């Protein structure tokens, strides 16, 4: 586990290596985070290859926007 921060301050909360997979994870307390809320994760994806890009949040259901998964925190912990 690690985190990532660019020189201009954009960051990703958690980089998780699980087996042969690399997950870039942003954690938000909102139940409806927007793409604007995860700009650090989106910036990271422009320069790095990952298996999954995930925003863990308070949503009641999982959904996807573009190449980013928005997962309720309970779903995320079940997948670990």
N, C-alpha and C. Protein backbone atom coordinates (compact mmCIF):
# COMPACT_ATOMS: atom_id res chain seq x y z
N UNK A 1 0.84 -1.18 0.00
CA UNK A 1 0.00 0.00 0.00
C UNK A 1 0.89 1.24 0.00
N UNK A 2 0.43 2.23 -0.73
CA UNK A 2 1.12 3.51 -0.75
C UNK A 2 0.11 4.57 -1.19
N UNK A 3 0.58 5.80 -1.31
CA UNK A 3 -0.26 6.87 -1.86
C UNK A 3 0.56 7.58 -2.91
N UNK A 4 -0.07 8.49 -3.62
CA UNK A 4 0.62 9.19 -4.70
C UNK A 4 0.26 10.66 -4.65
N UNK A 5 1.27 11.50 -4.80
CA UNK A 5 1.05 12.94 -4.87
C UNK A 5 1.96 13.51 -5.96
N UNK A 6 1.38 14.32 -6.85
CA UNK A 6 2.18 14.96 -7.89
C UNK A 6 2.84 16.21 -7.32
N UNK A 7 3.77 16.75 -8.09
CA UNK A 7 4.46 17.96 -7.64
C UNK A 7 3.51 19.16 -7.54
N UNK A 8 2.39 19.13 -8.28
CA UNK A 8 1.43 20.23 -8.18
C UNK A 8 0.33 19.99 -7.14
N UNK A 9 0.45 18.90 -6.36
CA UNK A 9 -0.45 18.68 -5.23
C UNK A 9 -1.61 17.74 -5.48
N UNK A 10 -1.82 17.25 -6.70
CA UNK A 10 -2.88 16.28 -6.94
C UNK A 10 -2.49 14.97 -6.28
N UNK A 11 -3.44 14.29 -5.67
CA UNK A 11 -3.08 13.06 -4.99
C UNK A 11 -4.14 11.98 -5.13
N UNK A 12 -3.69 10.75 -4.92
CA UNK A 12 -4.54 9.57 -4.86
C UNK A 12 -4.36 9.01 -3.46
N UNK A 13 -5.47 8.75 -2.77
CA UNK A 13 -5.41 8.34 -1.37
C UNK A 13 -4.68 7.02 -1.15
N UNK A 14 -4.87 6.06 -2.06
CA UNK A 14 -4.31 4.74 -1.82
C UNK A 14 -3.99 4.06 -3.14
N UNK A 15 -2.78 3.55 -3.25
CA UNK A 15 -2.38 2.67 -4.34
C UNK A 15 -2.21 1.30 -3.70
N UNK A 16 -3.02 0.35 -4.12
CA UNK A 16 -3.04 -0.97 -3.51
C UNK A 16 -2.60 -2.00 -4.54
N UNK A 17 -1.56 -2.75 -4.21
CA UNK A 17 -1.13 -3.84 -5.07
C UNK A 17 -1.64 -5.13 -4.46
N UNK A 18 -2.46 -5.84 -5.24
CA UNK A 18 -3.11 -7.07 -4.78
C UNK A 18 -2.83 -8.15 -5.82
N UNK A 19 -1.91 -9.06 -5.51
CA UNK A 19 -1.51 -10.05 -6.49
C UNK A 19 -0.88 -9.36 -7.68
N UNK A 20 -1.38 -9.64 -8.87
CA UNK A 20 -0.87 -9.01 -10.09
C UNK A 20 -1.62 -7.74 -10.45
N UNK A 21 -2.51 -7.29 -9.59
CA UNK A 21 -3.34 -6.12 -9.87
C UNK A 21 -2.84 -4.90 -9.11
N UNK A 22 -3.07 -3.74 -9.71
CA UNK A 22 -2.80 -2.46 -9.05
C UNK A 22 -4.08 -1.64 -9.08
N UNK A 23 -4.54 -1.25 -7.91
CA UNK A 23 -5.76 -0.46 -7.78
C UNK A 23 -5.39 0.95 -7.32
N UNK A 24 -5.91 1.95 -8.00
CA UNK A 24 -5.79 3.35 -7.57
C UNK A 24 -7.12 3.70 -6.91
N UNK A 25 -7.06 4.17 -5.66
CA UNK A 25 -8.27 4.34 -4.86
C UNK A 25 -8.36 5.74 -4.28
N UNK A 26 -9.49 6.35 -4.48
CA UNK A 26 -9.81 7.64 -3.85
C UNK A 26 -10.93 7.38 -2.85
N UNK A 27 -10.86 7.99 -1.69
CA UNK A 27 -11.86 7.79 -0.64
C UNK A 27 -12.59 9.11 -0.40
N UNK A 28 -13.91 9.06 -0.53
CA UNK A 28 -14.74 10.25 -0.34
C UNK A 28 -15.87 9.94 0.64
N UNK A 29 -16.20 10.90 1.50
CA UNK A 29 -17.29 10.70 2.47
C UNK A 29 -18.66 10.98 1.87
N UNK A 30 -18.70 11.52 0.68
CA UNK A 30 -19.95 11.86 0.02
C UNK A 30 -20.69 10.61 -0.46
N UNK A 31 -22.01 10.71 -0.53
CA UNK A 31 -22.78 9.61 -1.13
C UNK A 31 -22.92 9.79 -2.63
N UNK A 32 -22.57 10.97 -3.12
CA UNK A 32 -22.65 11.24 -4.56
C UNK A 32 -21.43 12.04 -5.03
N UNK A 33 -20.24 11.45 -4.95
CA UNK A 33 -19.06 12.20 -5.42
C UNK A 33 -19.14 12.42 -6.92
N UNK A 34 -18.64 13.55 -7.35
CA UNK A 34 -18.66 13.88 -8.78
C UNK A 34 -17.27 13.63 -9.37
N UNK A 35 -17.19 13.67 -10.67
CA UNK A 35 -15.90 13.52 -11.34
C UNK A 35 -14.96 14.65 -10.92
N UNK A 36 -15.49 15.81 -10.61
CA UNK A 36 -14.67 16.92 -10.15
C UNK A 36 -14.02 16.62 -8.79
N UNK A 37 -14.73 15.84 -7.96
CA UNK A 37 -14.22 15.49 -6.63
C UNK A 37 -13.03 14.54 -6.68
N UNK A 38 -12.84 13.88 -7.80
CA UNK A 38 -11.76 12.90 -7.90
C UNK A 38 -10.73 13.29 -8.95
N UNK A 39 -10.45 14.57 -9.01
CA UNK A 39 -9.52 15.06 -10.04
C UNK A 39 -8.11 14.49 -9.87
N UNK A 40 -7.69 14.23 -8.65
CA UNK A 40 -6.37 13.63 -8.43
C UNK A 40 -6.30 12.24 -9.02
N UNK A 41 -7.34 11.45 -8.84
CA UNK A 41 -7.40 10.10 -9.40
C UNK A 41 -7.42 10.17 -10.93
N UNK A 42 -8.21 11.06 -11.48
CA UNK A 42 -8.27 11.20 -12.94
C UNK A 42 -6.92 11.63 -13.51
N UNK A 43 -6.24 12.52 -12.82
CA UNK A 43 -4.92 12.97 -13.26
C UNK A 43 -3.92 11.81 -13.23
N UNK A 44 -3.98 11.03 -12.18
CA UNK A 44 -3.09 9.87 -12.04
C UNK A 44 -3.29 8.90 -13.20
N UNK A 45 -4.53 8.68 -13.59
CA UNK A 45 -4.84 7.72 -14.65
C UNK A 45 -4.31 8.16 -16.01
N UNK A 46 -4.09 9.45 -16.19
CA UNK A 46 -3.53 9.94 -17.46
C UNK A 46 -2.09 9.47 -17.66
N UNK A 47 -1.37 9.20 -16.57
CA UNK A 47 0.05 8.88 -16.66
C UNK A 47 0.41 7.48 -16.18
N UNK A 48 -0.53 6.75 -15.59
CA UNK A 48 -0.21 5.45 -15.00
C UNK A 48 -1.24 4.39 -15.40
N UNK A 49 -0.76 3.17 -15.56
CA UNK A 49 -1.63 2.04 -15.86
C UNK A 49 -2.03 1.37 -14.55
N UNK A 50 -3.31 1.14 -14.37
CA UNK A 50 -3.80 0.41 -13.21
C UNK A 50 -4.84 -0.61 -13.66
N UNK A 51 -5.05 -1.61 -12.85
CA UNK A 51 -6.06 -2.61 -13.14
C UNK A 51 -7.45 -2.06 -12.87
N UNK A 52 -7.57 -1.32 -11.75
CA UNK A 52 -8.85 -0.73 -11.38
C UNK A 52 -8.64 0.67 -10.84
N UNK A 53 -9.57 1.56 -11.15
CA UNK A 53 -9.63 2.90 -10.57
C UNK A 53 -10.94 2.95 -9.79
N UNK A 54 -10.83 3.21 -8.49
CA UNK A 54 -11.99 3.08 -7.61
C UNK A 54 -12.15 4.32 -6.75
N UNK A 55 -13.39 4.77 -6.61
CA UNK A 55 -13.73 5.79 -5.63
C UNK A 55 -14.62 5.10 -4.59
N UNK A 56 -14.11 4.98 -3.39
CA UNK A 56 -14.89 4.41 -2.28
C UNK A 56 -15.71 5.55 -1.68
N UNK A 57 -17.01 5.32 -1.52
CA UNK A 57 -17.87 6.41 -1.07
C UNK A 57 -19.05 5.87 -0.25
N UNK A 58 -19.96 6.75 0.11
CA UNK A 58 -21.13 6.41 0.92
C UNK A 58 -22.35 6.07 0.05
N UNK A 59 -22.15 5.88 -1.23
CA UNK A 59 -23.26 5.58 -2.13
C UNK A 59 -23.98 4.30 -1.68
N UNK A 60 -25.26 4.19 -2.03
CA UNK A 60 -26.02 2.99 -1.69
C UNK A 60 -25.88 1.91 -2.75
N UNK A 61 -25.28 2.26 -3.90
CA UNK A 61 -25.11 1.28 -4.96
C UNK A 61 -23.81 1.56 -5.73
N UNK A 62 -23.29 0.51 -6.34
CA UNK A 62 -22.09 0.67 -7.17
C UNK A 62 -22.48 1.20 -8.54
N UNK A 63 -21.61 2.03 -9.11
CA UNK A 63 -21.83 2.52 -10.46
C UNK A 63 -20.49 2.89 -11.07
N UNK A 64 -20.50 3.13 -12.35
CA UNK A 64 -19.27 3.46 -13.08
C UNK A 64 -19.49 4.72 -13.90
N UNK A 65 -18.49 5.59 -13.88
CA UNK A 65 -18.46 6.75 -14.77
C UNK A 65 -17.12 6.70 -15.49
N UNK A 66 -17.22 6.64 -16.82
CA UNK A 66 -16.02 6.48 -17.66
C UNK A 66 -15.27 5.25 -17.19
N UNK A 67 -14.03 5.36 -16.80
CA UNK A 67 -13.25 4.19 -16.39
C UNK A 67 -13.06 4.11 -14.87
N UNK A 68 -13.93 4.77 -14.12
CA UNK A 68 -13.80 4.79 -12.66
C UNK A 68 -15.02 4.14 -12.02
N UNK A 69 -14.74 3.20 -11.11
CA UNK A 69 -15.79 2.54 -10.35
C UNK A 69 -16.08 3.34 -9.09
N UNK A 70 -17.35 3.57 -8.79
CA UNK A 70 -17.76 4.19 -7.54
C UNK A 70 -18.39 3.07 -6.72
N UNK A 71 -17.75 2.75 -5.61
CA UNK A 71 -18.20 1.62 -4.80
C UNK A 71 -18.59 2.07 -3.40
N UNK A 72 -19.73 1.57 -2.90
CA UNK A 72 -20.01 1.78 -1.48
C UNK A 72 -18.89 1.12 -0.66
N UNK A 73 -18.54 1.73 0.45
CA UNK A 73 -17.41 1.21 1.22
C UNK A 73 -17.62 -0.23 1.65
N UNK A 74 -18.84 -0.65 1.93
CA UNK A 74 -19.08 -2.04 2.33
C UNK A 74 -18.75 -3.00 1.18
N UNK A 75 -19.11 -2.64 -0.03
CA UNK A 75 -18.80 -3.47 -1.19
C UNK A 75 -17.28 -3.60 -1.36
N UNK A 76 -16.58 -2.49 -1.18
CA UNK A 76 -15.13 -2.51 -1.33
C UNK A 76 -14.50 -3.48 -0.34
N UNK A 77 -14.90 -3.42 0.93
CA UNK A 77 -14.30 -4.29 1.92
C UNK A 77 -14.65 -5.76 1.69
N UNK A 78 -15.80 -6.03 1.10
CA UNK A 78 -16.13 -7.41 0.75
C UNK A 78 -15.22 -7.94 -0.34
N UNK A 79 -14.78 -7.09 -1.23
CA UNK A 79 -13.90 -7.51 -2.32
C UNK A 79 -12.47 -7.76 -1.87
N UNK A 80 -12.08 -7.16 -0.76
CA UNK A 80 -10.71 -7.38 -0.29
C UNK A 80 -10.55 -8.81 0.16
